[in-house]
């Protein structure tokens, strides 16, 4: 059997269900119960032990990654950095790592956030093989998009120009729209007709952050919008009226 050689701690974690529904009537109690269950396991030690091997157990690694949202404090900061900085060993599940770290971003210290952002930007800039996989790159982009910085703006702009993935470009457009990067968004108007469908929808949504310039562009271009693009335009027209509403991440 695949997990016969696991220690009791590893076997116990594998068998533990980490399913959590934040919308259930008992969400708070369920969260505390799961957190209590995980206190029985040395999560940080298990992560470091798993990463000391030449080949990870994918099932156990996924469980350890999911466990991030139930730990706190210095252990969470250490665990997040440890996972992010072992991209070669975690190659098969690295997009899971990026997604999990993004989901607990606000719980991390500013020092940890900055270190993780810099590390992931460096992976991309140096052409890490891990980032040659579009799925890993897309989730890395979403992770970088958690915190605005001039370095991250420059990195995302470079990625946008280099990638052929419409999905990745879609995410970058929305991130830079949330960051109010007017100049970058304005420069992309001329490329609208050559954008992929995903990019076009994202740019229509982002145009609502260009104020009068965006309105003028939509009025001038609306006859070119397809049915789904018209839906996005109408949806955004309603959403931007809501106080405090922001483009989804």
C-alpha atoms as a PDB file:
ATOM      1  CA  UNK A   1       0.000   0.000   0.000  1.00  0.00           C
ATOM      2  CA  UNK A   2       1.195   3.529  -0.821  1.00  0.00           C
ATOM      3  CA  UNK A   3       1.100   4.861   2.771  1.00  0.00           C
ATOM      4  CA  UNK A   4       2.118   1.715   4.695  1.00  0.00           C
ATOM      5  CA  UNK A   5       5.512   3.182   5.597  1.00  0.00           C
ATOM      6  CA  UNK A   6       4.148   6.436   6.987  1.00  0.00           C
ATOM      7  CA  UNK A   7       4.641   7.351  10.637  1.00  0.00           C
ATOM      8  CA  UNK A   8       1.513   7.559  12.843  1.00  0.00           C
ATOM      9  CA  UNK A   9       1.531  11.383  12.517  1.00  0.00           C
ATOM     10  CA  UNK A  10       1.700  11.234   8.742  1.00  0.00           C
ATOM     11  CA  UNK A  11      -0.915   8.486   8.510  1.00  0.00           C
ATOM     12  CA  UNK A  12      -3.208  10.385  10.894  1.00  0.00           C
ATOM     13  CA  UNK A  13      -2.962  13.580   8.858  1.00  0.00           C
ATOM     14  CA  UNK A  14      -3.628  11.734   5.601  1.00  0.00           C
ATOM     15  CA  UNK A  15      -6.837  10.279   7.071  1.00  0.00           C
ATOM     16  CA  UNK A  16      -8.022  13.614   8.543  1.00  0.00           C
ATOM     17  CA  UNK A  17     -10.654  15.418   6.476  1.00  0.00           C
ATOM     18  CA  UNK A  18      -9.804  19.118   6.105  1.00  0.00           C
ATOM     19  CA  UNK A  19     -13.027  20.013   4.316  1.00  0.00           C
ATOM     20  CA  UNK A  20     -14.334  23.329   5.616  1.00  0.00           C
ATOM     21  CA  UNK A  21     -17.443  25.148   4.387  1.00  0.00           C
ATOM     22  CA  UNK A  22     -17.202  28.837   5.390  1.00  0.00           C
ATOM     23  CA  UNK A  23     -20.881  29.314   4.490  1.00  0.00           C
ATOM     24  CA  UNK A  24     -22.296  26.587   6.703  1.00  0.00           C
ATOM     25  CA  UNK A  25     -24.438  27.449   9.731  1.00  0.00           C
ATOM     26  CA  UNK A  26     -21.741  26.005  12.007  1.00  0.00           C
ATOM     27  CA  UNK A  27     -18.744  27.512  10.176  1.00  0.00           C
ATOM     28  CA  UNK A  28     -17.112  29.032  13.272  1.00  0.00           C
ATOM     29  CA  UNK A  29     -17.440  25.832  15.298  1.00  0.00           C
ATOM     30  CA  UNK A  30     -16.220  23.704  12.382  1.00  0.00           C
ATOM     31  CA  UNK A  31     -13.179  25.932  11.957  1.00  0.00           C
ATOM     32  CA  UNK A  32     -12.251  25.718  15.638  1.00  0.00           C
ATOM     33  CA  UNK A  33     -12.773  21.944  15.599  1.00  0.00           C
ATOM     34  CA  UNK A  34     -10.469  21.493  12.640  1.00  0.00           C
ATOM     35  CA  UNK A  35      -7.896  23.813  14.153  1.00  0.00           C
ATOM     36  CA  UNK A  36      -8.032  21.793  17.363  1.00  0.00           C
ATOM     37  CA  UNK A  37      -7.580  18.550  15.443  1.00  0.00           C
ATOM     38  CA  UNK A  38      -4.541  19.942  13.643  1.00  0.00           C
ATOM     39  CA  UNK A  39      -2.923  21.047  16.908  1.00  0.00           C
ATOM     40  CA  UNK A  40      -2.358  17.324  17.502  1.00  0.00           C
ATOM     41  CA  UNK A  41      -0.003  17.228  14.525  1.00  0.00           C
ATOM     42  CA  UNK A  42       3.446  18.885  14.285  1.00  0.00           C
ATOM     43  CA  UNK A  43       2.571  20.531  10.969  1.00  0.00           C
ATOM     44  CA  UNK A  44       5.745  22.570  10.590  1.00  0.00           C
ATOM     45  CA  UNK A  45       7.928  19.585  11.483  1.00  0.00           C
ATOM     46  CA  UNK A  46       6.008  17.400   9.050  1.00  0.00           C
ATOM     47  CA  UNK A  47       6.498  19.946   6.268  1.00  0.00           C
ATOM     48  CA  UNK A  48      10.238  20.172   6.884  1.00  0.00           C
ATOM     49  CA  UNK A  49      10.546  16.397   7.182  1.00  0.00           C
ATOM     50  CA  UNK A  50       8.686  15.869   3.914  1.00  0.00           C
ATOM     51  CA  UNK A  51      10.904  18.393   2.148  1.00  0.00           C
ATOM     52  CA  UNK A  52      14.050  16.643   3.383  1.00  0.00           C
ATOM     53  CA  UNK A  53      13.202  13.644   1.185  1.00  0.00           C
ATOM     54  CA  UNK A  54      14.350  13.224  -2.402  1.00  0.00           C
ATOM     55  CA  UNK A  55      10.762  12.665  -3.518  1.00  0.00           C
ATOM     56  CA  UNK A  56       7.649  13.966  -1.825  1.00  0.00           C
ATOM     57  CA  UNK A  57       4.482  12.041  -1.048  1.00  0.00           C
ATOM     58  CA  UNK A  58       2.008  14.043  -3.150  1.00  0.00           C
ATOM     59  CA  UNK A  59      -1.054  13.123  -1.052  1.00  0.00           C
ATOM     60  CA  UNK A  60       0.632  14.081   2.199  1.00  0.00           C
ATOM     61  CA  UNK A  61       2.055  17.261   0.691  1.00  0.00           C
ATOM     62  CA  UNK A  62      -1.411  18.369  -0.435  1.00  0.00           C
ATOM     63  CA  UNK A  63      -2.722  17.772   3.090  1.00  0.00           C
ATOM     64  CA  UNK A  64       0.120  19.819   4.580  1.00  0.00           C
ATOM     65  CA  UNK A  65      -0.564  22.628   2.117  1.00  0.00           C
ATOM     66  CA  UNK A  66      -4.278  22.622   2.997  1.00  0.00           C
ATOM     67  CA  UNK A  67      -3.374  22.716   6.694  1.00  0.00           C
ATOM     68  CA  UNK A  68      -1.827  26.185   6.275  1.00  0.00           C
ATOM     69  CA  UNK A  69      -5.142  27.956   6.832  1.00  0.00           C
ATOM     70  CA  UNK A  70      -5.588  26.347  10.235  1.00  0.00           C
ATOM     71  CA  UNK A  71      -2.240  27.319  11.789  1.00  0.00           C
ATOM     72  CA  UNK A  72      -1.179  30.739  13.052  1.00  0.00           C
ATOM     73  CA  UNK A  73       1.646  32.948  14.207  1.00  0.00           C
ATOM     74  CA  UNK A  74       5.340  32.247  13.595  1.00  0.00           C
ATOM     75  CA  UNK A  75       4.572  28.679  12.534  1.00  0.00           C
ATOM     76  CA  UNK A  76       2.360  29.957   9.724  1.00  0.00           C
ATOM     77  CA  UNK A  77       5.002  32.439   8.523  1.00  0.00           C
ATOM     78  CA  UNK A  78       7.719  29.785   8.655  1.00  0.00           C
ATOM     79  CA  UNK A  79       5.544  27.161   6.951  1.00  0.00           C
ATOM     80  CA  UNK A  80       4.509  29.519   4.145  1.00  0.00           C
ATOM     81  CA  UNK A  81       8.099  30.514   3.359  1.00  0.00           C
ATOM     82  CA  UNK A  82       9.317  26.932   3.611  1.00  0.00           C
ATOM     83  CA  UNK A  83       6.736  25.758   1.083  1.00  0.00           C
ATOM     84  CA  UNK A  84       7.291  28.659  -1.325  1.00  0.00           C
ATOM     85  CA  UNK A  85      11.080  28.302  -1.226  1.00  0.00           C
ATOM     86  CA  UNK A  86      11.062  24.589  -2.129  1.00  0.00           C
ATOM     87  CA  UNK A  87       9.635  24.947  -5.612  1.00  0.00           C
ATOM     88  CA  UNK A  88      11.783  22.238  -7.208  1.00  0.00           C
ATOM     89  CA  UNK A  89      10.729  19.515  -4.785  1.00  0.00           C
ATOM     90  CA  UNK A  90       7.118  20.703  -4.745  1.00  0.00           C
ATOM     91  CA  UNK A  91       6.990  21.075  -8.528  1.00  0.00           C
ATOM     92  CA  UNK A  92       3.974  18.690  -8.924  1.00  0.00           C
ATOM     93  CA  UNK A  93       1.868  20.715  -6.459  1.00  0.00           C
ATOM     94  CA  UNK A  94       3.448  24.174  -6.639  1.00  0.00           C
ATOM     95  CA  UNK A  95       0.285  25.817  -7.945  1.00  0.00           C
ATOM     96  CA  UNK A  96      -1.448  24.434  -4.832  1.00  0.00           C
ATOM     97  CA  UNK A  97       1.270  26.035  -2.719  1.00  0.00           C
ATOM     98  CA  UNK A  98       0.790  29.436  -4.369  1.00  0.00           C
ATOM     99  CA  UNK A  99      -3.001  29.227  -4.031  1.00  0.00           C
ATOM    100  CA  UNK A 100      -2.792  28.226  -0.360  1.00  0.00           C
ATOM    101  CA  UNK A 101      -0.342  30.999   0.527  1.00  0.00           C
ATOM    102  CA  UNK A 102      -2.501  33.563  -1.306  1.00  0.00           C
ATOM    103  CA  UNK A 103      -5.531  32.410   0.702  1.00  0.00           C
ATOM    104  CA  UNK A 104      -3.813  33.152   4.046  1.00  0.00           C
ATOM    105  CA  UNK A 105      -1.926  36.245   2.852  1.00  0.00           C
ATOM    106  CA  UNK A 106      -3.491  38.671   5.335  1.00  0.00           C
ATOM    107  CA  UNK A 107      -2.421  36.436   8.242  1.00  0.00           C
ATOM    108  CA  UNK A 108       1.253  36.655   7.280  1.00  0.00           C
ATOM    109  CA  UNK A 109       3.646  39.266   8.634  1.00  0.00           C
ATOM    110  CA  UNK A 110       4.726  42.085   6.307  1.00  0.00           C
ATOM    111  CA  UNK A 111       8.286  40.748   6.387  1.00  0.00           C
ATOM    112  CA  UNK A 112       7.071  37.318   5.247  1.00  0.00           C
ATOM    113  CA  UNK A 113       4.842  38.821   2.551  1.00  0.00           C
ATOM    114  CA  UNK A 114       7.712  40.854   1.129  1.00  0.00           C
ATOM    115  CA  UNK A 115      10.083  37.882   1.226  1.00  0.00           C
ATOM    116  CA  UNK A 116       7.594  35.608  -0.548  1.00  0.00           C
ATOM    117  CA  UNK A 117       6.771  38.196  -3.224  1.00  0.00           C
ATOM    118  CA  UNK A 118      10.474  38.790  -3.894  1.00  0.00           C
ATOM    119  CA  UNK A 119      11.197  35.058  -4.051  1.00  0.00           C
ATOM    120  CA  UNK A 120       8.397  34.330  -6.516  1.00  0.00           C
ATOM    121  CA  UNK A 121       9.301  37.329  -8.696  1.00  0.00           C
ATOM    122  CA  UNK A 122      12.892  36.060  -8.773  1.00  0.00           C
ATOM    123  CA  UNK A 123      11.771  32.588  -9.857  1.00  0.00           C
ATOM    124  CA  UNK A 124       9.912  34.116 -12.773  1.00  0.00           C
ATOM    125  CA  UNK A 125      12.655  36.593 -13.683  1.00  0.00           C
ATOM    126  CA  UNK A 126      15.339  33.884 -13.731  1.00  0.00           C
ATOM    127  CA  UNK A 127      13.231  31.559 -15.857  1.00  0.00           C
ATOM    128  CA  UNK A 128      12.752  28.781 -13.314  1.00  0.00           C
ATOM    129  CA  UNK A 129      11.494  25.597 -15.029  1.00  0.00           C
ATOM    130  CA  UNK A 130       8.711  25.529 -12.444  1.00  0.00           C
ATOM    131  CA  UNK A 131       7.378  28.766 -13.940  1.00  0.00           C
ATOM    132  CA  UNK A 132       7.495  27.381 -17.468  1.00  0.00           C
ATOM    133  CA  UNK A 133       4.219  25.622 -16.630  1.00  0.00           C
ATOM    134  CA  UNK A 134       1.333  28.026 -17.263  1.00  0.00           C
ATOM    135  CA  UNK A 135      -0.702  26.742 -14.317  1.00  0.00           C
ATOM    136  CA  UNK A 136       2.169  27.411 -11.897  1.00  0.00           C
ATOM    137  CA  UNK A 137       2.800  30.816 -13.453  1.00  0.00           C
ATOM    138  CA  UNK A 138      -0.865  31.792 -13.253  1.00  0.00           C
ATOM    139  CA  UNK A 139      -1.085  31.019  -9.542  1.00  0.00           C
ATOM    140  CA  UNK A 140       2.275  32.725  -8.977  1.00  0.00           C
ATOM    141  CA  UNK A 141       0.838  35.835 -10.658  1.00  0.00           C
ATOM    142  CA  UNK A 142      -2.185  35.716  -8.351  1.00  0.00           C
ATOM    143  CA  UNK A 143       0.150  35.400  -5.370  1.00  0.00           C
ATOM    144  CA  UNK A 144       2.237  38.392  -6.466  1.00  0.00           C
ATOM    145  CA  UNK A 145      -1.040  40.257  -6.923  1.00  0.00           C
ATOM    146  CA  UNK A 146      -1.803  40.085  -3.201  1.00  0.00           C
ATOM    147  CA  UNK A 147       0.439  43.061  -2.371  1.00  0.00           C
ATOM    148  CA  UNK A 148       1.057  46.136  -4.490  1.00  0.00           C
ATOM    149  CA  UNK A 149       4.638  47.276  -4.997  1.00  0.00           C
ATOM    150  CA  UNK A 150       6.559  48.938  -7.800  1.00  0.00           C
ATOM    151  CA  UNK A 151       8.596  45.748  -8.192  1.00  0.00           C
ATOM    152  CA  UNK A 152       5.445  43.658  -8.591  1.00  0.00           C
ATOM    153  CA  UNK A 153       3.934  46.112 -11.084  1.00  0.00           C
ATOM    154  CA  UNK A 154       7.085  45.856 -13.197  1.00  0.00           C
ATOM    155  CA  UNK A 155       7.120  42.054 -12.927  1.00  0.00           C
ATOM    156  CA  UNK A 156       3.477  41.674 -13.938  1.00  0.00           C
ATOM    157  CA  UNK A 157       3.910  44.047 -16.858  1.00  0.00           C
ATOM    158  CA  UNK A 158       6.858  41.986 -18.097  1.00  0.00           C
ATOM    159  CA  UNK A 159       4.962  38.717 -17.688  1.00  0.00           C
ATOM    160  CA  UNK A 160       2.007  40.147 -19.630  1.00  0.00           C
ATOM    161  CA  UNK A 161       4.265  40.987 -22.572  1.00  0.00           C
ATOM    162  CA  UNK A 162       6.047  37.618 -22.518  1.00  0.00           C
ATOM    163  CA  UNK A 163       3.195  35.156 -22.063  1.00  0.00           C
ATOM    164  CA  UNK A 164       0.828  33.841 -24.708  1.00  0.00           C
ATOM    165  CA  UNK A 165      -1.705  32.712 -22.093  1.00  0.00           C
ATOM    166  CA  UNK A 166      -4.958  34.655 -22.254  1.00  0.00           C
ATOM    167  CA  UNK A 167      -5.853  33.405 -18.764  1.00  0.00           C
ATOM    168  CA  UNK A 168      -2.657  34.808 -17.255  1.00  0.00           C
ATOM    169  CA  UNK A 169      -3.071  38.106 -19.086  1.00  0.00           C
ATOM    170  CA  UNK A 170      -6.688  38.242 -17.853  1.00  0.00           C
ATOM    171  CA  UNK A 171      -5.494  37.984 -14.249  1.00  0.00           C
ATOM    172  CA  UNK A 172      -2.786  40.613 -14.734  1.00  0.00           C
ATOM    173  CA  UNK A 173      -5.265  43.096 -16.199  1.00  0.00           C
ATOM    174  CA  UNK A 174      -7.561  42.713 -13.183  1.00  0.00           C
ATOM    175  CA  UNK A 175      -4.677  42.964 -10.695  1.00  0.00           C
ATOM    176  CA  UNK A 176      -3.328  46.172 -12.227  1.00  0.00           C
ATOM    177  CA  UNK A 177      -6.850  47.564 -12.385  1.00  0.00           C
ATOM    178  CA  UNK A 178      -7.246  46.939  -8.639  1.00  0.00           C
ATOM    179  CA  UNK A 179      -3.915  48.661  -8.125  1.00  0.00           C
ATOM    180  CA  UNK A 180      -5.130  51.691 -10.102  1.00  0.00           C
ATOM    181  CA  UNK A 181      -2.291  51.566 -12.610  1.00  0.00           C
ATOM    182  CA  UNK A 182      -3.948  54.008 -14.993  1.00  0.00           C
ATOM    183  CA  UNK A 183      -1.000  54.429 -17.357  1.00  0.00           C
ATOM    184  CA  UNK A 184      -0.576  50.699 -17.980  1.00  0.00           C
ATOM    185  CA  UNK A 185      -4.297  50.179 -18.533  1.00  0.00           C
ATOM    186  CA  UNK A 186      -4.564  53.155 -20.849  1.00  0.00           C
ATOM    187  CA  UNK A 187      -1.677  51.883 -22.960  1.00  0.00           C
ATOM    188  CA  UNK A 188      -3.480  48.578 -23.507  1.00  0.00           C
ATOM    189  CA  UNK A 189      -6.549  50.111 -25.180  1.00  0.00           C
ATOM    190  CA  UNK A 190      -4.978  49.912 -28.620  1.00  0.00           C
ATOM    191  CA  UNK A 191      -4.479  46.140 -28.194  1.00  0.00           C
ATOM    192  CA  UNK A 192      -8.119  45.401 -27.426  1.00  0.00           C
ATOM    193  CA  UNK A 193      -8.985  44.041 -30.876  1.00  0.00           C
ATOM    194  CA  UNK A 194      -6.121  41.510 -30.735  1.00  0.00           C
ATOM    195  CA  UNK A 195      -6.824  40.337 -27.185  1.00  0.00           C
ATOM    196  CA  UNK A 196      -8.150  36.872 -26.382  1.00  0.00           C
ATOM    197  CA  UNK A 197     -11.784  36.631 -25.184  1.00  0.00           C
ATOM    198  CA  UNK A 198     -10.638  36.316 -21.556  1.00  0.00           C
ATOM    199  CA  UNK A 199      -8.461  39.419 -21.845  1.00  0.00           C
ATOM    200  CA  UNK A 200     -11.208  41.406 -23.538  1.00  0.00           C
ATOM    201  CA  UNK A 201     -13.664  40.679 -20.725  1.00  0.00           C
ATOM    202  CA  UNK A 202     -11.065  41.632 -18.131  1.00  0.00           C
ATOM    203  CA  UNK A 203     -10.218  44.862 -19.947  1.00  0.00           C
ATOM    204  CA  UNK A 204     -13.878  45.884 -20.223  1.00  0.00           C
ATOM    205  CA  UNK A 205     -14.180  45.405 -16.454  1.00  0.00           C
ATOM    206  CA  UNK A 206     -10.910  47.264 -15.860  1.00  0.00           C
ATOM    207  CA  UNK A 207     -12.026  50.176 -18.055  1.00  0.00           C
ATOM    208  CA  UNK A 208     -14.405  51.239 -15.289  1.00  0.00           C
ATOM    209  CA  UNK A 209     -11.296  52.242 -13.326  1.00  0.00           C
ATOM    210  CA  UNK A 210     -10.296  54.673 -16.102  1.00  0.00           C
ATOM    211  CA  UNK A 211     -13.105  57.129 -15.242  1.00  0.00           C
ATOM    212  CA  UNK A 212     -13.990  59.429 -18.171  1.00  0.00           C
ATOM    213  CA  UNK A 213     -11.342  57.870 -20.400  1.00  0.00           C
ATOM    214  CA  UNK A 214     -12.848  54.435 -19.800  1.00  0.00           C
ATOM    215  CA  UNK A 215     -16.394  55.636 -20.461  1.00  0.00           C
ATOM    216  CA  UNK A 216     -15.340  57.299 -23.701  1.00  0.00           C
ATOM    217  CA  UNK A 217     -13.565  54.116 -24.803  1.00  0.00           C
ATOM    218  CA  UNK A 218     -16.602  51.912 -24.001  1.00  0.00           C
ATOM    219  CA  UNK A 219     -18.973  54.263 -25.835  1.00  0.00           C
ATOM    220  CA  UNK A 220     -16.667  54.225 -28.857  1.00  0.00           C
ATOM    221  CA  UNK A 221     -16.111  50.439 -28.838  1.00  0.00           C
ATOM    222  CA  UNK A 222     -19.404  48.988 -27.580  1.00  0.00           C
ATOM    223  CA  UNK A 223     -20.639  47.994 -31.046  1.00  0.00           C
ATOM    224  CA  UNK A 224     -17.736  45.529 -31.183  1.00  0.00           C
ATOM    225  CA  UNK A 225     -18.708  43.794 -27.926  1.00  0.00           C
ATOM    226  CA  UNK A 226     -20.053  40.254 -28.100  1.00  0.00           C
ATOM    227  CA  UNK A 227     -22.933  38.988 -25.902  1.00  0.00           C
ATOM    228  CA  UNK A 228     -20.687  37.959 -22.987  1.00  0.00           C
ATOM    229  CA  UNK A 229     -18.756  41.220 -23.204  1.00  0.00           C
ATOM    230  CA  UNK A 230     -21.994  43.195 -23.083  1.00  0.00           C
ATOM    231  CA  UNK A 231     -22.973  41.194 -20.013  1.00  0.00           C
ATOM    232  CA  UNK A 232     -19.653  42.088 -18.319  1.00  0.00           C
ATOM    233  CA  UNK A 233     -20.187  45.744 -19.200  1.00  0.00           C
ATOM    234  CA  UNK A 234     -23.692  45.768 -17.686  1.00  0.00           C
ATOM    235  CA  UNK A 235     -22.571  43.809 -14.616  1.00  0.00           C
ATOM    236  CA  UNK A 236     -19.713  46.209 -13.971  1.00  0.00           C
ATOM    237  CA  UNK A 237     -21.966  49.241 -14.449  1.00  0.00           C
ATOM    238  CA  UNK A 238     -24.040  47.962 -11.494  1.00  0.00           C
ATOM    239  CA  UNK A 239     -21.129  46.847  -9.303  1.00  0.00           C
ATOM    240  CA  UNK A 240     -19.167  50.093  -9.454  1.00  0.00           C
ATOM    241  CA  UNK A 241     -22.139  51.886  -7.898  1.00  0.00           C
ATOM    242  CA  UNK A 242     -21.692  49.871  -4.700  1.00  0.00           C
ATOM    243  CA  UNK A 243     -19.681  51.653  -2.033  1.00  0.00           C
ATOM    244  CA  UNK A 244     -16.383  49.932  -1.324  1.00  0.00           C
ATOM    245  CA  UNK A 245     -16.832  47.307  -4.041  1.00  0.00           C
ATOM    246  CA  UNK A 246     -13.611  46.090  -5.668  1.00  0.00           C
ATOM    247  CA  UNK A 247     -12.750  43.879  -8.601  1.00  0.00           C
ATOM    248  CA  UNK A 248     -12.470  40.261  -7.408  1.00  0.00           C
ATOM    249  CA  UNK A 249      -9.016  38.751  -7.012  1.00  0.00           C
END
